Each structure stands twice: as C-alpha cells, then as structure tokens.
Amino acid sequence: MITLTRFNGEQFVLNGDLIETVETTPDTVIKLINNHRYVVRESVKDVVDLVVAYRNRIWRPSSYSEGINVQQQEE
C-alpha cells in the first residue's frame, strides 16, 4: 500500500498492485486496472518510487527467515 495526496490535500492509501498506468497530463493521473483514476500531487517519479519501495518491503526476506536459512545451511 502506498500513501498519496489528492489535490485537495487529503491523503489516501492505494494498493500499488492495482496500478496500470501513471502519466503526467500535466497533473499526475493514476489509472487502476479497474479503470478508476486518481489525480494526485505526487510526481510520476514519486509514485514509481513509492511503488518500488512498497514492493521491496513485501518481497524482501525478513531477518527472521534469513536466520532460518543460515541455520539450515550450517547443518
């Protein structure tokens, strides 16, 4: 989930996995796979950076699972 800002200043949270496109028109418009559109204050680059950070948090192994992997390799 990523936190974005509507043009009226209201923040909302969006599921980054549902984003189909992000474009500048000149405002930043996010189109979801269900055709819903959101106009946000963040730049296209900022939205991309937020999605990348979100995905890294999800897919990065936790220190707990890394510890398990190390123990299994030592045995």
PDB file of N, CA and C in Angstrom:
ATOM      1  N   MET A   1       0.851  -1.169   0.000  1.00  0.00           N
ATOM      2  CA  MET A   1       0.000   0.000   0.000  1.00  0.00           C
ATOM      3  C   MET A   1       0.903   1.240   0.000  1.00  0.00           C
ATOM      4  N   ILE A   2       0.486   2.247  -0.752  1.00  0.00           N
ATOM      5  CA  ILE A   2       1.250   3.491  -0.813  1.00  0.00           C
ATOM      6  C   ILE A   2       0.345   4.649  -0.418  1.00  0.00           C
ATOM      7  N   THR A   3       0.916   5.632   0.253  1.00  0.00           N
ATOM      8  CA  THR A   3       0.163   6.810   0.675  1.00  0.00           C
ATOM      9  C   THR A   3       0.383   7.916  -0.345  1.00  0.00           C
ATOM     10  N   LEU A   4      -0.721   8.472  -0.838  1.00  0.00           N
ATOM     11  CA  LEU A   4      -0.684   9.533  -1.844  1.00  0.00           C
ATOM     12  C   LEU A   4      -1.520  10.708  -1.367  1.00  0.00           C
ATOM     13  N   THR A   5      -1.409  11.833  -2.087  1.00  0.00           N
ATOM     14  CA  THR A   5      -2.119  13.051  -1.703  1.00  0.00           C
ATOM     15  C   THR A   5      -2.978  13.541  -2.858  1.00  0.00           C
ATOM     16  N   ARG A   6      -4.277  13.696  -2.584  1.00  0.00           N
ATOM     17  CA  ARG A   6      -5.177  14.282  -3.586  1.00  0.00           C
ATOM     18  C   ARG A   6      -4.852  15.767  -3.709  1.00  0.00           C
ATOM     19  N   PHE A   7      -5.340  16.403  -4.751  1.00  0.00           N
ATOM     20  CA  PHE A   7      -5.062  17.821  -4.938  1.00  0.00           C
ATOM     21  C   PHE A   7      -5.650  18.694  -3.833  1.00  0.00           C
ATOM     22  N   ASN A   8      -6.699  18.210  -3.142  1.00  0.00           N
ATOM     23  CA  ASN A   8      -7.277  18.998  -2.050  1.00  0.00           C
ATOM     24  C   ASN A   8      -6.492  18.833  -0.751  1.00  0.00           C
ATOM     25  N   GLY A   9      -5.369  18.079  -0.798  1.00  0.00           N
ATOM     26  CA  GLY A   9      -4.521  17.895   0.373  1.00  0.00           C
ATOM     27  C   GLY A   9      -4.852  16.660   1.187  1.00  0.00           C
ATOM     28  N   GLU A  10      -5.940  15.988   0.876  1.00  0.00           N
ATOM     29  CA  GLU A  10      -6.350  14.792   1.606  1.00  0.00           C
ATOM     30  C   GLU A  10      -5.456  13.615   1.212  1.00  0.00           C
ATOM     31  N   GLN A  11      -4.939  12.925   2.217  1.00  0.00           N
ATOM     32  CA  GLN A  11      -4.126  11.748   1.949  1.00  0.00           C
ATOM     33  C   GLN A  11      -5.004  10.510   1.893  1.00  0.00           C
ATOM     34  N   PHE A  12      -4.597   9.563   1.051  1.00  0.00           N
ATOM     35  CA  PHE A  12      -5.298   8.289   0.970  1.00  0.00           C
ATOM     36  C   PHE A  12      -4.274   7.207   0.674  1.00  0.00           C
ATOM     37  N   VAL A  13      -4.680   5.974   0.903  1.00  0.00           N
ATOM     38  CA  VAL A  13      -3.789   4.833   0.696  1.00  0.00           C
ATOM     39  C   VAL A  13      -4.319   4.030  -0.488  1.00  0.00           C
ATOM     40  N   LEU A  14      -3.398   3.669  -1.386  1.00  0.00           N
ATOM     41  CA  LEU A  14      -3.756   2.976  -2.614  1.00  0.00           C
ATOM     42  C   LEU A  14      -2.966   1.675  -2.705  1.00  0.00           C
ATOM     43  N   ASN A  15      -3.608   0.633  -3.177  1.00  0.00           N
ATOM     44  CA  ASN A  15      -2.927  -0.636  -3.393  1.00  0.00           C
ATOM     45  C   ASN A  15      -2.067  -0.506  -4.651  1.00  0.00           C
ATOM     46  N   GLY A  16      -0.750  -0.484  -4.479  1.00  0.00           N
ATOM     47  CA  GLY A  16       0.165  -0.301  -5.591  1.00  0.00           C
ATOM     48  C   GLY A  16       0.113  -1.410  -6.622  1.00  0.00           C
ATOM     49  N   ASP A  17      -0.409  -2.577  -6.249  1.00  0.00           N
ATOM     50  CA  ASP A  17      -0.517  -3.690  -7.190  1.00  0.00           C
ATOM     51  C   ASP A  17      -1.626  -3.476  -8.218  1.00  0.00           C
ATOM     52  N   LEU A  18      -2.510  -2.525  -7.974  1.00  0.00           N
ATOM     53  CA  LEU A  18      -3.635  -2.293  -8.882  1.00  0.00           C
ATOM     54  C   LEU A  18      -3.356  -1.226  -9.934  1.00  0.00           C
ATOM     55  N   ILE A  19      -2.181  -0.605  -9.886  1.00  0.00           N
ATOM     56  CA  ILE A  19      -1.865   0.479 -10.824  1.00  0.00           C
ATOM     57  C   ILE A  19      -1.563  -0.092 -12.198  1.00  0.00           C
ATOM     58  N   GLU A  20      -2.246   0.456 -13.195  1.00  0.00           N
ATOM     59  CA  GLU A  20      -1.988   0.065 -14.583  1.00  0.00           C
ATOM     60  C   GLU A  20      -1.054   1.071 -15.247  1.00  0.00           C
ATOM     61  N   THR A  21      -1.370   2.379 -15.104  1.00  0.00           N
ATOM     62  CA  THR A  21      -0.522   3.416 -15.697  1.00  0.00           C
ATOM     63  C   THR A  21      -0.444   4.621 -14.771  1.00  0.00           C
ATOM     64  N   VAL A  22       0.658   5.378 -14.926  1.00  0.00           N
ATOM     65  CA  VAL A  22       0.829   6.657 -14.247  1.00  0.00           C
ATOM     66  C   VAL A  22       1.326   7.616 -15.319  1.00  0.00           C
ATOM     67  N   GLU A  23       0.648   8.752 -15.476  1.00  0.00           N
ATOM     68  CA  GLU A  23       1.042   9.692 -16.520  1.00  0.00           C
ATOM     69  C   GLU A  23       0.899  11.133 -16.043  1.00  0.00           C
ATOM     70  N   THR A  24       1.591  12.015 -16.736  1.00  0.00           N
ATOM     71  CA  THR A  24       1.509  13.449 -16.461  1.00  0.00           C
ATOM     72  C   THR A  24       0.700  14.089 -17.564  1.00  0.00           C
ATOM     73  N   THR A  25      -0.340  14.860 -17.186  1.00  0.00           N
ATOM     74  CA  THR A  25      -1.259  15.411 -18.194  1.00  0.00           C
ATOM     75  C   THR A  25      -1.615  16.890 -18.044  1.00  0.00           C
ATOM     76  N   PRO A  26      -1.039  17.839 -17.451  1.00  0.00           N
ATOM     77  CA  PRO A  26       0.205  17.908 -16.716  1.00  0.00           C
ATOM     78  C   PRO A  26       0.101  17.418 -15.274  1.00  0.00           C
ATOM     79  N   ASP A  27      -1.105  17.200 -14.759  1.00  0.00           N
ATOM     80  CA  ASP A  27      -1.234  16.632 -13.408  1.00  0.00           C
ATOM     81  C   ASP A  27      -0.881  15.146 -13.472  1.00  0.00           C
ATOM     82  N   THR A  28      -0.515  14.585 -12.336  1.00  0.00           N
ATOM     83  CA  THR A  28      -0.215  13.158 -12.284  1.00  0.00           C
ATOM     84  C   THR A  28      -1.524  12.395 -12.145  1.00  0.00           C
ATOM     85  N   VAL A  29      -1.781  11.528 -13.122  1.00  0.00           N
ATOM     86  CA  VAL A  29      -3.008  10.730 -13.144  1.00  0.00           C
ATOM     87  C   VAL A  29      -2.628   9.261 -13.041  1.00  0.00           C
ATOM     88  N   ILE A  30      -3.234   8.582 -12.061  1.00  0.00           N
ATOM     89  CA  ILE A  30      -3.004   7.158 -11.854  1.00  0.00           C
ATOM     90  C   ILE A  30      -4.257   6.425 -12.324  1.00  0.00           C
ATOM     91  N   LYS A  31      -4.077   5.488 -13.242  1.00  0.00           N
ATOM     92  CA  LYS A  31      -5.185   4.669 -13.720  1.00  0.00           C
ATOM     93  C   LYS A  31      -4.991   3.264 -13.173  1.00  0.00           C
ATOM     94  N   LEU A  32      -6.049   2.735 -12.557  1.00  0.00           N
ATOM     95  CA  LEU A  32      -6.004   1.394 -11.991  1.00  0.00           C
ATOM     96  C   LEU A  32      -6.521   0.367 -12.993  1.00  0.00           C
ATOM     97  N   ILE A  33      -6.305  -0.899 -12.706  1.00  0.00           N
ATOM     98  CA  ILE A  33      -6.738  -1.957 -13.610  1.00  0.00           C
ATOM     99  C   ILE A  33      -8.264  -2.034 -13.732  1.00  0.00           C
ATOM    100  N   ASN A  34      -8.997  -1.433 -12.786  1.00  0.00           N
ATOM    101  CA  ASN A  34     -10.456  -1.407 -12.851  1.00  0.00           C
ATOM    102  C   ASN A  34     -10.973  -0.113 -13.490  1.00  0.00           C
ATOM    103  N   ASN A  35     -10.064   0.659 -14.127  1.00  0.00           N
ATOM    104  CA  ASN A  35     -10.356   1.914 -14.826  1.00  0.00           C
ATOM    105  C   ASN A  35     -10.625   3.105 -13.910  1.00  0.00           C
ATOM    106  N   HIS A  36     -10.538   2.944 -12.595  1.00  0.00           N
ATOM    107  CA  HIS A  36     -10.650   4.106 -11.712  1.00  0.00           C
ATOM    108  C   HIS A  36      -9.410   4.972 -11.911  1.00  0.00           C
ATOM    109  N   ARG A  37      -9.592   6.268 -11.806  1.00  0.00           N
ATOM    110  CA  ARG A  37      -8.492   7.205 -11.995  1.00  0.00           C
ATOM    111  C   ARG A  37      -8.375   8.113 -10.769  1.00  0.00           C
ATOM    112  N   TYR A  38      -7.140   8.425 -10.428  1.00  0.00           N
ATOM    113  CA  TYR A  38      -6.859   9.316  -9.312  1.00  0.00           C
ATOM    114  C   TYR A  38      -5.882  10.379  -9.781  1.00  0.00           C
ATOM    115  N   VAL A  39      -6.172  11.635  -9.457  1.00  0.00           N
ATOM    116  CA  VAL A  39      -5.252  12.739  -9.729  1.00  0.00           C
ATOM    117  C   VAL A  39      -4.579  13.069  -8.405  1.00  0.00           C
ATOM    118  N   VAL A  40      -3.244  13.049  -8.412  1.00  0.00           N
ATOM    119  CA  VAL A  40      -2.501  13.220  -7.164  1.00  0.00           C
ATOM    120  C   VAL A  40      -1.463  14.323  -7.295  1.00  0.00           C
ATOM    121  N   ARG A  41      -0.993  14.802  -6.149  1.00  0.00           N
ATOM    122  CA  ARG A  41       0.034  15.858  -6.110  1.00  0.00           C
ATOM    123  C   ARG A  41       1.429  15.323  -6.413  1.00  0.00           C
ATOM    124  N   GLU A  42       1.676  14.060  -6.107  1.00  0.00           N
ATOM    125  CA  GLU A  42       2.998  13.481  -6.309  1.00  0.00           C
ATOM    126  C   GLU A  42       3.329  13.408  -7.804  1.00  0.00           C
ATOM    127  N   SER A  43       4.619  13.495  -8.111  1.00  0.00           N
ATOM    128  CA  SER A  43       5.066  13.366  -9.493  1.00  0.00           C
ATOM    129  C   SER A  43       5.035  11.900  -9.912  1.00  0.00           C
ATOM    130  N   VAL A  44       5.153  11.657 -11.217  1.00  0.00           N
ATOM    131  CA  VAL A  44       5.225  10.283 -11.710  1.00  0.00           C
ATOM    132  C   VAL A  44       6.403   9.561 -11.055  1.00  0.00           C
ATOM    133  N   LYS A  45       7.549  10.229 -10.990  1.00  0.00           N
ATOM    134  CA  LYS A  45       8.735   9.624 -10.366  1.00  0.00           C
ATOM    135  C   LYS A  45       8.470   9.259  -8.917  1.00  0.00           C
ATOM    136  N   ASP A  46       7.805  10.156  -8.180  1.00  0.00           N
ATOM    137  CA  ASP A  46       7.493   9.880  -6.771  1.00  0.00           C
ATOM    138  C   ASP A  46       6.581   8.654  -6.643  1.00  0.00           C
ATOM    139  N   VAL A  47       5.583   8.548  -7.510  1.00  0.00           N
ATOM    140  CA  VAL A  47       4.667   7.401  -7.457  1.00  0.00           C
ATOM    141  C   VAL A  47       5.436   6.114  -7.746  1.00  0.00           C
ATOM    142  N   VAL A  48       6.277   6.143  -8.770  1.00  0.00           N
ATOM    143  CA  VAL A  48       7.079   4.965  -9.099  1.00  0.00           C
ATOM    144  C   VAL A  48       7.972   4.589  -7.925  1.00  0.00           C
ATOM    145  N   ASP A  49       8.635   5.573  -7.312  1.00  0.00           N
ATOM    146  CA  ASP A  49       9.497   5.304  -6.156  1.00  0.00           C
ATOM    147  C   ASP A  49       8.713   4.691  -5.003  1.00  0.00           C
ATOM    148  N   LEU A  50       7.503   5.177  -4.766  1.00  0.00           N
ATOM    149  CA  LEU A  50       6.667   4.631  -3.695  1.00  0.00           C
ATOM    150  C   LEU A  50       6.278   3.177  -3.978  1.00  0.00           C
ATOM    151  N   VAL A  51       5.943   2.881  -5.231  1.00  0.00           N
ATOM    152  CA  VAL A  51       5.561   1.515  -5.596  1.00  0.00           C
ATOM    153  C   VAL A  51       6.768   0.582  -5.460  1.00  0.00           C
ATOM    154  N   VAL A  52       7.933   1.027  -5.907  1.00  0.00           N
ATOM    155  CA  VAL A  52       9.146   0.204  -5.789  1.00  0.00           C
ATOM    156  C   VAL A  52       9.453  -0.069  -4.314  1.00  0.00           C
ATOM    157  N   ALA A  53       9.373   0.954  -3.477  1.00  0.00           N
ATOM    158  CA  ALA A  53       9.625   0.776  -2.045  1.00  0.00           C
ATOM    159  C   ALA A  53       8.607  -0.183  -1.429  1.00  0.00           C
ATOM    160  N   TYR A  54       7.349  -0.055  -1.823  1.00  0.00           N
ATOM    161  CA  TYR A  54       6.278  -0.946  -1.348  1.00  0.00           C
ATOM    162  C   TYR A  54       6.594  -2.395  -1.716  1.00  0.00           C
ATOM    163  N   ARG A  55       6.965  -2.613  -2.958  1.00  0.00           N
ATOM    164  CA  ARG A  55       7.247  -3.985  -3.400  1.00  0.00           C
ATOM    165  C   ARG A  55       8.496  -4.540  -2.732  1.00  0.00           C
ATOM    166  N   ASN A  56       9.480  -3.702  -2.503  1.00  0.00           N
ATOM    167  CA  ASN A  56      10.689  -4.153  -1.792  1.00  0.00           C
ATOM    168  C   ASN A  56      10.353  -4.587  -0.371  1.00  0.00           C
ATOM    169  N   ARG A  57       9.445  -3.861   0.283  1.00  0.00           N
ATOM    170  CA  ARG A  57       9.045  -4.236   1.641  1.00  0.00           C
ATOM    171  C   ARG A  57       8.355  -5.595   1.650  1.00  0.00           C
ATOM    172  N   ILE A  58       7.572  -5.867   0.626  1.00  0.00           N
ATOM    173  CA  ILE A  58       6.823  -7.130   0.569  1.00  0.00           C
ATOM    174  C   ILE A  58       7.732  -8.301   0.240  1.00  0.00           C
ATOM    175  N   TRP A  59       8.624  -8.119  -0.714  1.00  0.00           N
ATOM    176  CA  TRP A  59       9.407  -9.235  -1.230  1.00  0.00           C
ATOM    177  C   TRP A  59      10.744  -9.430  -0.537  1.00  0.00           C
ATOM    178  N   ARG A  60      11.189  -8.462   0.253  1.00  0.00           N
ATOM    179  CA  ARG A  60      12.457  -8.616   0.959  1.00  0.00           C
ATOM    180  C   ARG A  60      12.276  -9.617   2.086  1.00  0.00           C
ATOM    181  N   PRO A  61      13.153 -10.611   2.160  1.00  0.00           N
ATOM    182  CA  PRO A  61      13.027 -11.578   3.256  1.00  0.00           C
ATOM    183  C   PRO A  61      13.229 -10.882   4.602  1.00  0.00           C
ATOM    184  N   SER A  62      12.486 -11.298   5.579  1.00  0.00           N
ATOM    185  CA  SER A  62      12.655 -10.729   6.914  1.00  0.00           C
ATOM    186  C   SER A  62      13.928 -11.276   7.540  1.00  0.00           C
ATOM    187  N   SER A  63      14.417 -10.612   8.554  1.00  0.00           N
ATOM    188  CA  SER A  63      15.620 -11.082   9.232  1.00  0.00           C
ATOM    189  C   SER A  63      15.362 -12.441   9.878  1.00  0.00           C
ATOM    190  N   TYR A  64      14.115 -12.704  10.254  1.00  0.00           N
ATOM    191  CA  TYR A  64      13.784 -13.998  10.850  1.00  0.00           C
ATOM    192  C   TYR A  64      14.000 -15.115   9.839  1.00  0.00           C
ATOM    193  N   SER A  65      13.453 -14.952   8.626  1.00  0.00           N
ATOM    194  CA  SER A  65      13.600 -16.014   7.632  1.00  0.00           C
ATOM    195  C   SER A  65      15.048 -16.121   7.164  1.00  0.00           C
ATOM    196  N   GLU A  66      15.794 -15.020   7.164  1.00  0.00           N
ATOM    197  CA  GLU A  66      17.205 -15.080   6.813  1.00  0.00           C
ATOM    198  C   GLU A  66      17.957 -15.902   7.845  1.00  0.00           C
ATOM    199  N   GLY A  67      17.606 -15.761   9.118  1.00  0.00           N
ATOM    200  CA  GLY A  67      18.231 -16.530  10.184  1.00  0.00           C
ATOM    201  C   GLY A  67      17.970 -18.024  10.023  1.00  0.00           C
ATOM    202  N   ILE A  68      16.766 -18.355   9.620  1.00  0.00           N
ATOM    203  CA  ILE A  68      16.418 -19.758   9.395  1.00  0.00           C
ATOM    204  C   ILE A  68      17.263 -20.301   8.254  1.00  0.00           C
ATOM    205  N   ASN A  69      17.393 -19.554   7.173  1.00  0.00           N
ATOM    206  CA  ASN A  69      18.183 -20.008   6.036  1.00  0.00           C
ATOM    207  C   ASN A  69      19.637 -20.239   6.429  1.00  0.00           C
ATOM    208  N   VAL A  70      20.190 -19.374   7.240  1.00  0.00           N
ATOM    209  CA  VAL A  70      21.578 -19.524   7.680  1.00  0.00           C
ATOM    210  C   VAL A  70      21.714 -20.787   8.507  1.00  0.00           C
ATOM    211  N   GLN A  71      20.775 -21.040   9.435  1.00  0.00           N
ATOM    212  CA  GLN A  71      20.845 -22.221  10.265  1.00  0.00           C
ATOM    213  C   GLN A  71      20.734 -23.486   9.423  1.00  0.00           C
ATOM    214  N   GLN A  72      19.883 -23.496   8.430  1.00  0.00           N
ATOM    215  CA  GLN A  72      19.712 -24.681   7.582  1.00  0.00           C
ATOM    216  C   GLN A  72      20.978 -24.955   6.793  1.00  0.00           C
ATOM    217  N   GLN A  73      21.666 -23.925   6.350  1.00  0.00           N
ATOM    218  CA  GLN A  73      22.880 -24.107   5.575  1.00  0.00           C
ATOM    219  C   GLN A  73      24.020 -24.632   6.439  1.00  0.00           C
ATOM    220  N   GLU A  74      24.040 -24.256   7.722  1.00  0.00           N
ATOM    221  CA  GLU A  74      25.110 -24.681   8.611  1.00  0.00           C
ATOM    222  C   GLU A  74      24.982 -26.155   9.004  1.00  0.00           C
ATOM    223  N   GLU A  75      23.778 -26.702   8.951  1.00  0.00           N
ATOM    224  CA  GLU A  75      23.537 -28.090   9.397  1.00  0.00           C
ATOM    225  C   GLU A  75      23.979 -29.094   8.400  1.00  0.00           C
TER     226      GLU A  75
END
